[in-house]
Protein backbone atom coordinates (compact mmCIF):
# COMPACT_ATOMS: atom_id res chain seq x y z
CA MET A 1 66.29 83.08 151.22
CA ASN A 2 64.76 86.73 151.10
CA LYS A 3 66.90 89.15 148.91
CA LYS A 4 67.70 91.34 152.31
CA HIS A 5 69.11 88.95 153.82
CA LEU A 6 71.64 88.28 150.99
CA LEU A 7 73.14 91.36 152.21
CA ILE A 8 74.49 89.86 155.46
CA LEU A 9 76.66 87.28 153.84
CA PRO A 10 79.49 89.80 152.67
CA PHE A 11 80.08 90.79 156.45
CA ILE A 12 80.74 86.85 157.40
CA PRO A 13 84.35 86.87 155.51
CA PRO A 14 85.76 90.09 156.87
CA VAL A 15 84.62 88.95 160.56
CA LEU A 16 86.57 85.82 159.95
CA ALA A 17 89.59 87.95 158.47
CA ILE A 18 89.73 90.25 161.40
CA SER A 19 90.05 87.19 163.67
CA ALA A 20 92.39 85.60 161.82
CA LEU A 21 94.67 88.82 161.92
CA PHE A 22 94.23 89.14 165.40
CA TYR A 23 95.47 85.80 166.13
CA ARG A 24 98.23 86.46 163.85
CA ILE A 25 99.33 89.73 165.62
CA LEU A 26 98.77 88.17 169.18
CA PHE A 27 100.45 85.01 168.75
CA HIS A 28 102.83 85.72 165.81
CA THR A 29 102.00 82.79 163.93
CA ASP A 30 98.93 81.65 161.89
CA ASN A 31 96.53 79.35 162.99
CA LEU A 32 95.98 77.23 159.57
CA LEU A 33 91.98 76.65 160.20
CA LEU A 34 91.41 80.26 161.14
CA ALA A 35 93.46 81.92 158.28
CA GLY A 36 91.68 79.74 155.56
CA SER A 37 88.41 80.57 157.14
CA PRO A 38 87.62 83.66 155.32
CA ALA A 39 87.91 82.20 151.88
CA PHE A 40 86.14 79.04 152.56
CA SER A 41 83.44 81.20 154.01
CA CYS A 42 83.42 82.80 150.44
CA SER A 43 83.15 79.41 148.68
CA ILE A 44 80.25 78.60 150.48
CA ILE A 45 78.44 81.76 150.30
CA CYS A 46 79.04 81.12 146.30
CA VAL A 47 77.43 77.89 146.68
CA LEU A 48 74.36 79.26 148.53
CA VAL A 49 74.11 82.02 145.89
CA TYR A 50 74.18 79.03 143.25
CA PHE A 51 71.35 77.30 144.99
CA ILE A 52 69.11 80.63 145.03
CA SER A 53 69.17 81.10 141.55
CA PRO A 54 70.76 78.34 139.64
CA ALA A 55 70.23 79.13 136.06
CA ASN A 56 71.43 82.62 136.50
CA ASN A 57 74.53 81.93 138.84
CA ARG A 58 76.25 78.79 137.35
CA THR A 59 79.85 80.55 137.10
CA VAL A 60 79.65 81.37 140.82
CA LEU A 61 80.77 77.31 141.08
CA VAL A 62 83.84 78.36 139.37
CA LEU A 63 84.31 80.95 141.90
CA ALA A 64 84.03 78.48 144.96
CA ALA A 65 86.63 76.58 143.64
CA SER A 66 88.78 79.35 142.98
CA PHE A 67 88.33 80.12 146.78
CA ILE A 68 89.39 76.72 147.59
CA PHE A 69 92.57 76.94 145.35
CA SER A 70 93.36 80.05 146.98
CA ILE A 71 93.37 78.41 150.29
CA LEU A 72 95.78 75.50 148.99
CA GLY A 73 98.07 78.50 147.40
CA ASP A 74 98.11 80.63 151.12
CA LEU A 75 98.77 77.15 152.65
CA PHE A 76 101.65 76.24 150.37
CA LEU A 77 103.28 79.62 150.64
CA LYS A 78 103.31 79.18 154.43
CA LEU A 79 105.46 75.90 153.95
CA ARG A 80 108.42 77.71 152.10
CA PRO A 81 111.28 77.09 151.84
CA PRO A 82 112.09 74.88 149.87
CA ASP A 83 111.10 76.40 146.43
CA TYR A 84 109.08 73.49 145.18
CA TRP A 85 106.29 74.67 148.09
CA PHE A 86 106.66 78.10 146.36
CA VAL A 87 105.87 76.67 143.14
CA LEU A 88 102.84 74.78 144.35
CA GLY A 89 101.62 77.82 146.09
CA ILE A 90 101.97 79.80 142.79
CA SER A 91 100.33 76.90 140.90
CA SER A 92 97.31 76.95 143.29
CA PHE A 93 96.81 80.84 143.02
CA PHE A 94 97.31 80.40 139.13
CA MET A 95 94.29 77.85 138.97
CA ALA A 96 92.09 80.68 141.17
CA HIS A 97 93.17 83.40 138.84
CA ILE A 98 91.78 81.22 135.94
CA GLY A 99 88.59 80.77 137.88
CA PHE A 100 88.35 84.47 138.69
CA SER A 101 88.79 85.47 134.82
CA PHE A 102 86.14 82.81 133.49
CA TYR A 103 83.79 84.46 136.02
CA SER A 104 84.77 88.08 134.62
CA LEU A 105 84.60 86.92 130.89
CA LYS A 106 80.62 85.82 131.40
CA ARG A 107 79.91 89.35 132.47
CA VAL A 108 82.39 91.47 130.76
CA LYS A 109 83.79 92.08 127.18
CA PHE A 110 87.45 91.52 127.32
CA SER A 111 89.98 94.01 125.95
CA TRP A 112 93.10 93.15 124.60
CA LEU A 113 94.22 96.85 124.76
CA VAL A 114 93.58 96.95 128.47
CA PHE A 115 95.27 93.63 128.89
CA ALA A 116 98.38 95.23 127.01
CA VAL A 117 98.27 98.31 128.93
CA VAL A 118 98.05 96.16 132.34
CA LEU A 119 100.54 93.52 131.27
CA VAL A 120 103.58 95.51 129.97
CA PRO A 121 104.42 97.42 133.11
CA PHE A 122 104.26 94.15 135.14
CA LEU A 123 106.36 92.40 132.33
CA ILE A 124 109.23 95.03 132.47
CA TRP A 125 109.18 94.74 136.34
CA TYR A 126 109.52 91.11 136.24
CA PHE A 127 112.22 91.04 133.62
CA ALA A 128 113.93 94.12 134.73
CA VAL A 129 113.70 93.76 138.58
CA LEU A 130 112.85 90.35 139.63
CA LEU A 131 114.38 88.01 137.19
CA PRO A 132 118.02 89.15 137.81
CA THR A 133 117.67 88.23 141.70
CA ASN A 134 119.37 85.43 142.74
CA ARG A 135 116.76 83.16 143.57
CA LEU A 136 114.78 83.74 140.27
CA SER A 137 118.20 83.70 138.20
CA ASN A 138 119.21 80.39 139.64
CA ASN A 139 116.06 78.58 139.35
CA GLY A 140 114.53 78.28 135.94
CA ILE A 141 111.54 76.58 137.26
CA LEU A 142 110.43 79.07 139.78
CA ALA A 143 111.25 81.86 137.53
CA PHE A 144 109.13 80.43 134.29
CA ALA A 145 106.24 79.78 137.51
CA VAL A 146 106.57 83.58 138.51
CA PHE A 147 106.41 84.65 134.79
CA LEU A 148 102.96 82.45 134.08
CA TYR A 149 101.70 83.75 137.30
CA VAL A 150 102.80 87.36 136.44
CA ALA A 151 100.90 86.93 132.89
CA VAL A 152 97.70 85.26 134.56
CA SER A 153 97.36 87.93 137.17
CA CYS A 154 97.43 90.67 134.86
CA PHE A 155 94.97 88.88 132.37
CA SER A 156 92.55 88.43 135.42
CA LEU A 157 92.79 92.11 136.46
CA SER A 158 92.11 93.16 132.95
CA ALA A 159 89.58 90.69 132.19
CA SER A 160 87.60 92.28 135.06
CA ILE A 161 87.34 95.94 133.85
CA ASP A 162 84.25 96.96 132.51
CA LEU A 163 85.03 99.87 130.48
CA LYS A 164 81.34 100.64 130.10
CA GLY A 165 81.06 100.70 134.02
CA ARG A 166 77.52 99.71 133.62
CA SER A 167 77.29 98.11 137.44
CA ALA A 168 78.79 99.06 140.38
CA ALA A 169 79.36 95.01 141.29
CA SER A 170 81.70 95.05 138.16
CA TRP A 171 84.10 97.66 139.97
CA VAL A 172 83.76 95.98 143.35
CA TYR A 173 85.08 92.77 141.64
CA THR A 174 87.94 94.64 139.77
CA ALA A 175 88.88 96.24 143.03
CA GLY A 176 89.06 92.78 144.68
CA ILE A 177 91.22 91.59 142.02
CA ALA A 178 93.35 94.65 142.08
CA CYS A 179 93.99 93.85 145.77
CA ILE A 180 94.98 90.44 145.32
CA LEU A 181 97.57 91.31 142.59
CA THR A 182 99.06 94.21 144.96
CA SER A 183 99.32 91.45 147.46
CA ASP A 184 101.07 89.39 145.36
CA CYS A 185 103.52 92.37 144.53
CA PHE A 186 104.55 92.65 148.08
CA ILE A 187 105.02 89.10 148.26
CA ALA A 188 107.44 88.89 145.28
CA ALA A 189 109.27 92.29 146.82
CA GLY A 190 109.65 90.24 149.94
CA ASN A 191 110.88 87.24 148.53
CA PHE A 192 112.90 88.05 145.92
CA LEU A 193 114.11 91.61 147.02
CA ARG A 194 114.04 91.04 150.60
CA TRP A 195 112.16 94.08 150.92
CA GLN A 196 109.82 93.87 153.69
CA LYS A 197 108.58 97.20 154.50
CA LEU A 198 104.91 96.58 153.31
CA SER A 199 104.75 93.10 153.92
CA PHE A 200 102.30 93.86 156.56
CA LEU A 201 99.72 94.38 154.14
CA VAL A 202 99.90 91.17 152.51
CA MET A 203 97.14 89.26 154.35
CA PRO A 204 94.90 92.35 154.78
CA LEU A 205 94.79 92.81 151.12
CA TYR A 206 94.34 89.14 150.58
CA TYR A 207 91.09 88.89 152.87
CA LEU A 208 89.97 92.25 151.24
CA CYS A 209 90.19 90.74 147.78
CA HIS A 210 87.89 87.85 148.75
CA THR A 211 85.83 90.29 150.73
CA LEU A 212 84.99 92.42 147.54
CA ILE A 213 84.67 89.46 145.21
CA ILE A 214 82.21 88.23 147.36
CA LEU A 215 80.44 91.70 147.78
CA SER A 216 80.35 91.66 144.26
CA VAL A 217 78.65 88.42 143.90
CA VAL A 218 76.07 89.07 146.16
CA LEU A 219 75.44 92.81 144.80
CA ARG A 220 75.04 91.19 141.61
CA GLN A 221 72.34 88.72 142.83
CA TYR A 222 70.75 91.31 144.76
CA LEU A 223 70.30 93.96 142.31
CA ALA A 224 70.00 91.73 139.16
CA PRO A 225 68.94 88.37 140.06
CA HIS A 226 67.07 87.28 137.11
CA GLN A 227 69.74 88.24 134.62
CA PRO A 228 71.39 85.38 133.18
CA ASP A 229 74.85 84.86 132.57
CA LYS A 230 75.94 85.06 129.07
CA GLU A 231 76.72 81.78 127.26
CA GLY A 232 80.16 82.22 126.38
CA GLY A 233 82.73 85.05 127.24
CA SER A 234 83.18 87.69 124.71
CA CYS A 235 86.73 89.19 123.33
CA GLY A 236 87.12 92.34 121.85
CA SER A 237 90.06 95.05 120.76
CA ASN A 238 87.91 98.06 121.83
């Protein structure tokens, strides 16, 4: 595939996302196949990028798996209640964030300081606002699952932050992770606090996350196709 042809690929997920959103608006429900198609297309694009340059893009296969876990997470969350579907949804997105983090750590030097700065406000929000709600205070398993998800989401975001700002692709990727984290905050507000005013942004942000992540993958391949992945992530205190 010609390098210029790569730039067409990031347009596929948003087209599918817009279709899914229009279906939701018109019929006031989700078509499960259509709703999962943006993430599935992202997974396919990752596989294509791998086959274009397998030596340089082994970690994109982890991203491909993360998008599949995202599809499962979205499906399980749509099946709620009861709470075990919600826990399965959180668990699936937890695995997606593990993949997102793995991809980041191969490219960005991890900073524990950045992780602390990101994590502390979310821990305060969790313990002071979410945990006292009836749904979490009465269900220890759900409360623990949400806690773990908050932690891994913050790790995923902080792992994506390139303090040296060497690559536009890195910042696009960080913006994508920030979108899913914001979407998750609105989900939590709607489910645990019964605050629904911004719930209409959940799916657009979810789709925007996938679009930005895949744009980052394609940009990295287009701008620096011969730069191999680091063998092993790096951690630092910065």
